């Protein structure tokens, strides 16, 4: 009995997950910031000027905690700059030198990116980016070199980091054949066929198989496919591609019940039932976006019991968030998310300055909760009420306080008011559709077998 207990304990694996660090190497911009770089910051939700600093702080945390595995599901760099990739890979080598195995996959920002720029003075100039092959060479020590099998089309791989465990890194990015940056995700049928074979071989050896994709493979809040369709794999519905449901069925049919994702910059966990069991999508937010979240995972590969702990670089509760300059800049940048959501709420061309004036403060509180992954700690009822009050005032302003027209908009089944209500309530009360969201207050336990 003692030997059995030791065997189970030995199969306990401590992991950390960090996604979307979007590191911008410091040589790419001037300090003090030049005009060109300051202009670029106004068009970006991320704190690019501090991305390397945040990444370095996270590396220090990993070096101190020494987990067995560190998993990074993509968007390692701001826009695929070669110099940024070289910096990230160098720091990851330091982590591996201390005994933590690191596994990465590319995100849509990381390869063949025409937006790879350096900013100096008043000039912004293109800088070298990397091809898919160059990405795999730079990060060969972080999954690719130890691949047991690799998909010839996408470079997706499977590796065996330790006894009883297999990790699949799926490349969901659309190739940049037209030299423009695609943000949507996809998986070819040939890749799914490879996945079934590779996962089948791993399971035949008695291994528990988990997967990483950059793009989410299911919806995490209501209206996500309406407000932010780029976060969903296969949302472009390109001819000949398997459906999102087919992807989910293939994963569970292959014995995979956990997928670690990024891309959307939210800290969220949700699941879907398939013909072959439950599939859970654990989305980890962006290190380069407030409040710089990450995750700690404790997995028993023998029993399949997984404990997920959500954490941030600034603490988990709003009351813990320090009022440092960096924290303030990150929160301010997050407020600009209204530029993504508000036009879709209204469905018409609007004045963004007015929208920001009416909605930014209240919506920012909901988006902070979504980014931190701890909605229950953010007083969901109060935030929902505040957001809907602000939405009501904004819509009233839009229709010049015409009571009849305002009431009509409120009653529309798929109108702006209903969309906003559905969106905010889904975020704050953790549900998708009519199904209760599985996200919990900081810690969640799942059974993968």
Protein backbone atom coordinates (compact mmCIF):
# COMPACT_ATOMS: atom_id res chain seq x y z
CA UNK A 1 0.00 0.00 0.00
CA UNK A 2 2.89 2.35 0.75
CA UNK A 3 4.44 1.64 -2.65
CA UNK A 4 1.08 2.35 -4.34
CA UNK A 5 0.77 5.69 -2.51
CA UNK A 6 4.29 6.67 -3.55
CA UNK A 7 3.50 5.74 -7.17
CA UNK A 8 0.44 8.01 -7.26
CA UNK A 9 2.37 10.84 -5.62
CA UNK A 10 5.19 10.44 -8.15
CA UNK A 11 2.71 11.02 -10.95
CA UNK A 12 1.74 14.45 -9.63
CA UNK A 13 2.95 17.06 -12.14
CA UNK A 14 3.26 20.75 -11.29
CA UNK A 15 2.78 23.04 -14.30
CA UNK A 16 2.51 26.73 -15.07
CA UNK A 17 0.70 28.18 -18.07
CA UNK A 18 1.44 31.64 -19.45
CA UNK A 19 0.08 32.94 -22.75
CA UNK A 20 0.33 35.90 -25.09
CA UNK A 21 3.30 37.70 -23.50
CA UNK A 22 3.70 39.69 -26.77
CA UNK A 23 7.28 40.54 -25.89
CA UNK A 24 8.64 43.60 -27.70
CA UNK A 25 12.43 43.65 -27.33
CA UNK A 26 13.61 47.03 -26.02
CA UNK A 27 15.93 47.81 -28.93
CA UNK A 28 12.81 48.20 -31.11
CA UNK A 29 11.90 51.58 -29.58
CA UNK A 30 13.53 54.63 -28.08
CA UNK A 31 13.65 55.51 -24.39
CA UNK A 32 12.40 58.18 -23.84
CA UNK A 33 9.70 57.16 -26.32
CA UNK A 34 9.80 58.75 -29.74
CA UNK A 35 6.83 60.16 -31.59
CA UNK A 36 6.39 57.09 -33.79
CA UNK A 37 6.32 54.68 -30.84
CA UNK A 38 3.91 56.84 -28.83
CA UNK A 39 1.60 56.90 -31.84
CA UNK A 40 1.71 53.09 -32.08
CA UNK A 41 0.74 52.73 -28.42
CA UNK A 42 -2.51 54.59 -29.08
CA UNK A 43 -3.54 51.83 -31.49
CA UNK A 44 -2.78 48.86 -29.24
CA UNK A 45 -4.47 47.36 -26.19
CA UNK A 46 -1.22 45.84 -24.92
CA UNK A 47 1.43 47.56 -22.82
CA UNK A 48 4.11 47.01 -25.45
CA UNK A 49 6.55 49.35 -23.72
CA UNK A 50 6.50 47.11 -20.61
CA UNK A 51 6.00 43.68 -22.20
CA UNK A 52 9.63 42.68 -21.79
CA UNK A 53 9.60 43.85 -18.16
CA UNK A 54 6.47 41.78 -17.39
CA UNK A 55 7.95 38.76 -19.17
CA UNK A 56 11.16 39.07 -17.15
CA UNK A 57 9.17 39.28 -13.93
CA UNK A 58 7.27 36.13 -14.86
CA UNK A 59 10.54 34.33 -15.70
CA UNK A 60 11.81 35.22 -12.22
CA UNK A 61 8.63 33.72 -10.74
CA UNK A 62 9.13 30.49 -12.71
CA UNK A 63 12.78 30.27 -11.67
CA UNK A 64 11.74 30.69 -8.04
CA UNK A 65 8.86 28.17 -8.11
CA UNK A 66 10.57 25.60 -10.38
CA UNK A 67 7.48 23.84 -11.81
CA UNK A 68 8.16 20.67 -13.79
CA UNK A 69 6.52 22.09 -16.92
CA UNK A 70 5.87 25.54 -18.40
CA UNK A 71 3.38 25.67 -21.29
CA UNK A 72 2.98 28.72 -23.55
CA UNK A 73 0.13 28.59 -26.13
CA UNK A 74 1.35 31.26 -28.53
CA UNK A 75 1.85 34.95 -29.30
CA UNK A 76 5.27 35.02 -27.71
CA UNK A 77 6.15 38.29 -29.46
CA UNK A 78 4.43 41.58 -30.25
CA UNK A 79 4.41 41.06 -34.01
CA UNK A 80 6.89 38.31 -34.82
CA UNK A 81 10.06 40.41 -34.72
CA UNK A 82 13.13 38.18 -35.00
CA UNK A 83 14.94 40.09 -32.26
CA UNK A 84 11.97 39.59 -29.90
CA UNK A 85 11.92 35.85 -30.61
CA UNK A 86 15.64 35.60 -29.91
CA UNK A 87 15.15 37.35 -26.57
CA UNK A 88 12.23 35.12 -25.52
CA UNK A 89 14.06 31.93 -26.51
CA UNK A 90 17.12 33.04 -24.54
CA UNK A 91 15.10 33.49 -21.34
CA UNK A 92 13.31 30.17 -21.88
CA UNK A 93 16.71 28.45 -22.07
CA UNK A 94 17.48 29.87 -18.64
CA UNK A 95 14.28 28.29 -17.33
CA UNK A 96 15.11 24.90 -18.82
CA UNK A 97 18.64 25.11 -17.40
CA UNK A 98 17.04 25.17 -13.92
CA UNK A 99 15.10 21.96 -14.59
CA UNK A 100 11.71 23.16 -15.89
CA UNK A 101 10.71 21.75 -19.28
CA UNK A 102 9.21 24.38 -21.60
CA UNK A 103 6.78 23.77 -24.47
CA UNK A 104 5.56 26.42 -26.91
CA UNK A 105 3.37 26.76 -29.99
CA UNK A 106 3.08 29.80 -32.30
CA UNK A 107 0.29 32.36 -32.20
CA UNK A 108 -1.09 34.45 -35.04
CA UNK A 109 1.34 37.30 -34.23
CA UNK A 110 4.48 35.17 -34.29
CA UNK A 111 5.28 34.25 -37.91
CA UNK A 112 5.54 36.00 -41.29
CA UNK A 113 4.03 39.10 -39.76
CA UNK A 114 4.02 42.22 -41.97
CA UNK A 115 3.45 44.35 -38.85
CA UNK A 116 6.91 43.66 -37.44
CA UNK A 117 8.22 47.21 -36.93
CA UNK A 118 10.80 49.15 -35.00
CA UNK A 119 10.04 52.70 -33.83
CA UNK A 120 12.75 55.34 -33.59
CA UNK A 121 12.13 59.05 -33.42
CA UNK A 122 9.45 59.95 -35.94
CA UNK A 123 10.06 56.87 -38.10
CA UNK A 124 8.57 53.39 -38.04
CA UNK A 125 10.50 50.86 -40.11
CA UNK A 126 9.96 47.21 -40.98
CA UNK A 127 12.23 44.77 -39.14
CA UNK A 128 12.93 41.08 -39.87
CA UNK A 129 10.21 38.62 -38.88
CA UNK A 130 10.39 34.81 -38.99
CA UNK A 131 8.97 32.06 -41.17
CA UNK A 132 7.26 28.97 -39.75
CA UNK A 133 10.46 26.98 -40.27
CA UNK A 134 12.53 29.65 -38.52
CA UNK A 135 10.08 29.70 -35.61
CA UNK A 136 10.57 25.96 -35.13
CA UNK A 137 14.33 26.34 -35.31
CA UNK A 138 14.42 29.18 -32.73
CA UNK A 139 12.21 27.18 -30.35
CA UNK A 140 13.51 23.71 -31.23
CA UNK A 141 14.43 23.03 -27.59
CA UNK A 142 10.88 23.77 -26.44
CA UNK A 143 8.89 20.93 -27.98
CA UNK A 144 10.00 20.48 -31.56
CA UNK A 145 13.32 18.66 -31.03
CA UNK A 146 11.77 16.07 -28.73
CA UNK A 147 8.64 15.49 -30.81
CA UNK A 148 7.66 11.83 -31.01
CA UNK A 149 5.61 12.70 -34.09
CA UNK A 150 5.00 15.88 -36.10
CA UNK A 151 2.29 16.86 -38.58
CA UNK A 152 3.96 17.57 -41.93
CA UNK A 153 1.40 20.25 -42.87
CA UNK A 154 1.34 22.48 -39.80
CA UNK A 155 4.30 21.46 -37.66
CA UNK A 156 1.96 20.41 -34.86
CA UNK A 157 3.73 17.98 -32.56
CA UNK A 158 3.30 15.47 -29.76
CA UNK A 159 5.93 14.89 -27.10
CA UNK A 160 6.29 12.78 -23.96
CA UNK A 161 7.70 15.09 -21.26
CA UNK A 162 7.56 12.45 -18.52
CA UNK A 163 6.18 9.04 -17.68
CA UNK A 164 2.43 8.78 -18.15
CA UNK A 165 1.94 12.16 -19.92
CA UNK A 166 1.77 13.32 -23.53
CA UNK A 167 1.45 16.93 -24.71
CA UNK A 168 0.08 17.86 -28.14
CA UNK A 169 0.96 21.30 -29.52
CA UNK A 170 -1.48 22.16 -32.32
CA UNK A 171 -0.66 24.99 -34.74
CA UNK A 172 -4.01 26.61 -35.53
CA UNK A 173 -2.64 29.55 -37.54
CA UNK A 174 -3.55 30.24 -41.16
CA UNK A 175 -0.42 30.52 -43.35
CA UNK A 176 0.36 34.06 -44.54
CA UNK A 177 0.44 33.28 -48.24
CA UNK A 178 -0.71 36.81 -49.03
CA UNK A 179 1.75 38.38 -46.58
CA UNK A 180 -1.00 39.80 -44.44
CA UNK A 181 -1.58 38.86 -40.81
CA UNK A 182 -4.52 36.53 -40.35
CA UNK A 183 -6.01 36.47 -36.89
CA UNK A 184 -8.51 33.65 -37.36
CA UNK A 185 -7.72 30.03 -36.48
CA UNK A 186 -8.23 26.77 -38.30
CA UNK A 187 -7.26 23.08 -38.32
CA UNK A 188 -7.01 21.02 -41.50
CA UNK A 189 -8.62 17.58 -41.64
CA UNK A 190 -5.21 16.06 -42.35
CA UNK A 191 -3.97 17.53 -39.06
CA UNK A 192 -6.92 16.03 -37.20
CA UNK A 193 -6.16 12.66 -38.80
CA UNK A 194 -2.54 12.96 -37.64
CA UNK A 195 -3.75 13.92 -34.17
CA UNK A 196 -5.89 10.81 -33.82
CA UNK A 197 -2.98 8.56 -34.79
CA UNK A 198 -0.47 10.32 -32.54
CA UNK A 199 -2.78 10.48 -29.54
CA UNK A 200 -3.80 6.86 -30.11
CA UNK A 201 -0.18 5.74 -29.91
CA UNK A 202 0.31 7.72 -26.70
CA UNK A 203 -2.79 6.26 -25.10
CA UNK A 204 -1.69 2.74 -26.10
CA UNK A 205 1.30 3.36 -23.84
CA UNK A 206 -1.02 4.36 -21.02
CA UNK A 207 -0.35 8.10 -21.28
CA UNK A 208 -2.77 10.89 -20.41
CA UNK A 209 -2.91 13.29 -23.37
CA UNK A 210 -3.50 17.05 -23.06
CA UNK A 211 -3.36 19.64 -25.86
CA UNK A 212 -2.44 23.27 -26.53
CA UNK A 213 -3.89 25.48 -29.26
CA UNK A 214 -3.48 29.22 -29.64
CA UNK A 215 -7.09 29.85 -30.66
CA UNK A 216 -9.95 28.88 -28.39
CA UNK A 217 -11.99 25.90 -29.50
CA UNK A 218 -15.27 26.88 -27.88
CA UNK A 219 -17.21 29.96 -26.87
CA UNK A 220 -16.38 31.39 -23.43
CA UNK A 221 -19.13 33.98 -23.08
CA UNK A 222 -22.37 34.83 -24.82
CA UNK A 223 -22.09 36.92 -27.99
CA UNK A 224 -18.40 36.01 -28.37
CA UNK A 225 -18.95 34.81 -31.92
CA UNK A 226 -20.66 38.17 -32.59
CA UNK A 227 -18.30 40.52 -30.76
CA UNK A 228 -14.94 38.78 -31.26
CA UNK A 229 -15.16 36.01 -33.87
CA UNK A 230 -11.39 35.86 -34.38
CA UNK A 231 -11.06 34.02 -31.07
CA UNK A 232 -12.92 30.99 -32.46
CA UNK A 233 -11.16 28.30 -34.45
CA UNK A 234 -12.62 27.90 -37.96
CA UNK A 235 -14.94 30.90 -37.65
CA UNK A 236 -14.05 31.93 -41.20
CA UNK A 237 -15.78 28.74 -42.36
CA UNK A 238 -13.26 28.29 -45.15
CA UNK A 239 -14.36 25.74 -47.71
CA UNK A 240 -13.18 22.23 -46.98
CA UNK A 241 -12.30 22.80 -43.32
CA UNK A 242 -13.81 20.66 -40.56
CA UNK A 243 -16.34 22.39 -38.37
CA UNK A 244 -15.60 23.53 -34.84
CA UNK A 245 -17.81 20.71 -33.60
CA UNK A 246 -15.80 18.21 -35.66
CA UNK A 247 -12.61 19.50 -34.01
CA UNK A 248 -14.13 19.04 -30.55
CA UNK A 249 -15.35 15.52 -31.38
CA UNK A 250 -11.95 14.53 -32.79
CA UNK A 251 -10.15 15.72 -29.65
CA UNK A 252 -12.33 13.71 -27.27
CA UNK A 253 -12.40 10.71 -29.60
CA UNK A 254 -8.61 10.85 -29.37
CA UNK A 255 -8.82 10.75 -25.58
CA UNK A 256 -8.07 14.47 -25.13
CA UNK A 257 -10.33 16.19 -22.59
CA UNK A 258 -8.24 19.27 -21.79
CA UNK A 259 -7.08 22.00 -24.19
CA UNK A 260 -4.98 24.97 -23.05
CA UNK A 261 -5.64 28.07 -25.17
CA UNK A 262 -4.83 31.79 -25.40
CA UNK A 263 -5.43 34.44 -28.09
CA UNK A 264 -8.49 36.19 -26.66
CA UNK A 265 -6.66 37.64 -23.62
CA UNK A 266 -9.18 36.35 -21.09
CA UNK A 267 -8.79 34.11 -18.04
CA UNK A 268 -11.68 31.73 -18.48
CA UNK A 269 -12.59 28.05 -18.26
CA UNK A 270 -15.54 26.47 -20.02
CA UNK A 271 -16.51 23.09 -21.39
CA UNK A 272 -18.67 21.27 -23.92
CA UNK A 273 -20.17 17.78 -23.98
CA UNK A 274 -19.30 15.63 -26.99
CA UNK A 275 -20.17 12.08 -28.03
CA UNK A 276 -16.93 10.95 -26.40
CA UNK A 277 -17.11 12.87 -23.14
CA UNK A 278 -16.51 16.36 -21.83
CA UNK A 279 -13.92 18.69 -23.36
CA UNK A 280 -12.61 21.60 -21.25
CA UNK A 281 -11.04 24.72 -22.75
CA UNK A 282 -8.76 26.54 -20.29
CA UNK A 283 -8.08 29.98 -21.74
CA UNK A 284 -5.21 31.93 -20.20
CA UNK A 285 -5.10 35.70 -20.56
CA UNK A 286 -2.29 37.89 -21.87
CA UNK A 287 0.75 38.65 -19.75
CA UNK A 288 0.93 41.96 -21.66
CA UNK A 289 -2.61 42.97 -20.66
CA UNK A 290 -4.04 43.90 -17.29
CA UNK A 291 -3.86 42.28 -14.80
CA UNK A 292 -1.19 40.04 -16.42
CA UNK A 293 -2.76 36.66 -15.56
CA UNK A 294 -1.21 33.18 -15.60
CA UNK A 295 -2.08 29.76 -14.18
CA UNK A 296 -0.72 27.05 -11.93
CA UNK A 297 -1.84 23.49 -12.68
CA UNK A 298 -1.39 20.39 -10.55
CA UNK A 299 -2.14 17.20 -12.48
CA UNK A 300 -2.10 13.60 -11.33
CA UNK A 301 -1.41 11.75 -14.56
CA UNK A 302 -2.45 8.48 -12.99
CA UNK A 303 -5.92 9.50 -11.85
CA UNK A 304 -6.52 12.41 -14.26
CA UNK A 305 -7.35 14.77 -11.40
CA UNK A 306 -6.43 18.37 -12.27
CA UNK A 307 -6.38 21.40 -9.99
CA UNK A 308 -6.24 24.79 -11.74
CA UNK A 309 -5.31 27.94 -9.86
CA UNK A 310 -5.75 31.32 -11.53
CA UNK A 311 -3.29 34.05 -10.60
CA UNK A 312 -2.13 37.46 -11.84
CA UNK A 313 1.05 39.47 -11.55
CA UNK A 314 -0.97 42.12 -9.67
CA UNK A 315 -2.96 39.89 -7.31
CA UNK A 316 -6.38 38.31 -7.75
CA UNK A 317 -8.70 40.83 -6.11
CA UNK A 318 -9.29 44.42 -7.28
CA UNK A 319 -8.50 45.54 -3.74
CA UNK A 320 -5.04 43.97 -4.11
CA UNK A 321 -4.16 45.70 -7.34
CA UNK A 322 -1.34 48.19 -6.73
CA UNK A 323 -1.74 51.71 -8.00
CA UNK A 324 1.64 51.67 -9.70
CA UNK A 325 2.26 53.51 -12.94
CA UNK A 326 2.36 50.22 -14.85
CA UNK A 327 -0.90 48.99 -13.34
CA UNK A 328 -2.62 52.27 -14.20
CA UNK A 329 -1.32 52.20 -17.77
CA UNK A 330 -2.50 48.62 -18.22
CA UNK A 331 -5.97 49.42 -16.91
CA UNK A 332 -6.23 52.51 -19.09
CA UNK A 333 -5.25 50.50 -22.14
CA UNK A 334 -7.89 47.89 -21.35
CA UNK A 335 -10.56 50.60 -21.39
CA UNK A 336 -10.05 50.89 -25.12
CA UNK A 337 -11.69 47.48 -25.48
CA UNK A 338 -14.93 49.45 -25.86
CA UNK A 339 -13.66 50.28 -29.35
CA UNK A 340 -14.07 46.58 -30.20
CA UNK A 341 -17.42 46.00 -28.55
CA UNK A 342 -19.46 49.20 -28.72
CA UNK A 343 -19.72 49.50 -32.53
CA UNK A 344 -21.06 45.97 -32.66
CA UNK A 345 -23.53 46.65 -29.88
CA UNK A 346 -24.97 49.55 -31.84
CA UNK A 347 -24.67 48.04 -35.30
CA UNK A 348 -24.14 51.50 -36.77
CA UNK A 349 -21.31 53.96 -37.23
CA UNK A 350 -20.84 55.83 -33.98
CA UNK A 351 -18.75 58.56 -32.41
CA UNK A 352 -16.11 56.64 -30.43
CA UNK A 353 -15.30 59.63 -28.24
CA UNK A 354 -18.90 59.71 -27.05
CA UNK A 355 -19.01 55.94 -26.60
CA UNK A 356 -15.82 56.06 -24.55
CA UNK A 357 -17.20 58.89 -22.41
CA UNK A 358 -20.36 56.98 -21.54
CA UNK A 359 -19.16 53.36 -21.36
CA UNK A 360 -15.41 53.05 -20.80
CA UNK A 361 -15.35 53.20 -16.98
CA UNK A 362 -18.15 50.70 -16.34
CA UNK A 363 -17.27 48.29 -19.15
CA UNK A 364 -13.65 48.36 -18.02
CA UNK A 365 -14.70 46.81 -14.70
CA UNK A 366 -16.36 43.90 -16.49
CA UNK A 367 -13.39 43.43 -18.81
CA UNK A 368 -10.98 43.49 -15.86
CA UNK A 369 -13.03 40.70 -14.27
CA UNK A 370 -12.95 38.75 -17.54
CA UNK A 371 -9.20 39.25 -17.87
CA UNK A 372 -8.49 38.30 -14.26
CA UNK A 373 -10.69 35.19 -14.27
CA UNK A 374 -12.27 35.93 -10.91
CA UNK A 375 -15.69 37.39 -11.57
CA UNK A 376 -17.07 36.46 -8.14
CA UNK A 377 -14.48 38.68 -6.49
CA UNK A 378 -15.60 41.67 -8.56
CA UNK A 379 -19.19 42.02 -7.22
CA UNK A 380 -20.93 40.78 -10.40
CA UNK A 381 -24.38 42.20 -9.55
CA UNK A 382 -23.00 45.69 -8.95
CA UNK A 383 -20.89 45.67 -12.14
CA UNK A 384 -23.77 44.34 -14.25
CA UNK A 385 -26.10 47.04 -12.93
CA UNK A 386 -23.51 49.76 -13.51
CA UNK A 387 -22.81 48.58 -17.09
CA UNK A 388 -26.48 48.43 -18.03
CA UNK A 389 -27.15 51.85 -16.49
CA UNK A 390 -24.32 53.26 -18.58
CA UNK A 391 -25.61 51.45 -21.68
CA UNK A 392 -29.08 52.85 -21.10
CA UNK A 393 -27.73 56.40 -20.80
CA UNK A 394 -25.61 55.98 -23.90
CA UNK A 395 -28.45 54.61 -26.02
CA UNK A 396 -30.71 57.39 -24.71
CA UNK A 397 -28.12 59.89 -25.87
CA UNK A 398 -27.86 58.16 -29.26
CA UNK A 399 -31.62 58.48 -29.93
CA UNK A 400 -31.83 62.02 -28.53
CA UNK A 401 -33.90 60.82 -25.56
CA UNK A 402 -36.83 59.85 -27.79
CA UNK A 403 -38.82 57.70 -25.33
CA UNK A 404 -40.72 55.74 -27.99
CA UNK A 405 -37.61 54.94 -30.03
CA UNK A 406 -35.63 54.13 -26.86
CA UNK A 407 -38.29 51.67 -25.66
CA UNK A 408 -38.33 50.02 -29.09
CA UNK A 409 -34.56 49.51 -28.97
CA UNK A 410 -34.79 48.03 -25.49
CA UNK A 411 -37.40 45.50 -26.61
CA UNK A 412 -35.68 44.35 -29.80
CA UNK A 413 -34.86 40.65 -29.52
CA UNK A 414 -31.42 41.07 -31.07
CA UNK A 415 -31.12 44.79 -30.54
CA UNK A 416 -28.22 46.72 -28.98
CA UNK A 417 -29.64 46.74 -25.45
CA UNK A 418 -30.33 42.99 -25.39
CA UNK A 419 -26.92 42.21 -26.88
CA UNK A 420 -25.19 44.33 -24.25
CA UNK A 421 -27.21 42.75 -21.44
CA UNK A 422 -26.50 39.22 -22.68
CA UNK A 423 -22.81 39.99 -23.11
CA UNK A 424 -22.25 41.58 -19.68
CA UNK A 425 -24.39 39.12 -17.72
CA UNK A 426 -22.64 36.16 -19.37
CA UNK A 427 -19.25 37.57 -18.35
CA UNK A 428 -20.19 38.46 -14.79
CA UNK A 429 -22.32 35.39 -14.00
CA UNK A 430 -20.16 32.81 -15.81
CA UNK A 431 -22.56 31.15 -18.20
CA UNK A 432 -22.70 30.47 -21.91
CA UNK A 433 -26.15 30.12 -23.38
CA UNK A 434 -28.25 28.43 -20.72
CA UNK A 435 -25.35 26.36 -19.34
CA UNK A 436 -23.58 27.41 -16.16
CA UNK A 437 -19.96 28.32 -16.79
CA UNK A 438 -17.45 26.08 -14.98
CA UNK A 439 -15.14 28.96 -14.10
CA UNK A 440 -14.65 29.30 -10.36
CA UNK A 441 -13.15 31.70 -7.85
CA UNK A 442 -9.39 31.31 -8.49
CA UNK A 443 -9.30 27.51 -8.08
CA UNK A 444 -11.06 24.77 -10.00
CA UNK A 445 -10.75 20.98 -9.88
CA UNK A 446 -11.46 18.83 -12.96
CA UNK A 447 -11.49 15.11 -13.65
CA UNK A 448 -9.92 14.30 -17.03
CA UNK A 449 -10.41 10.52 -16.96
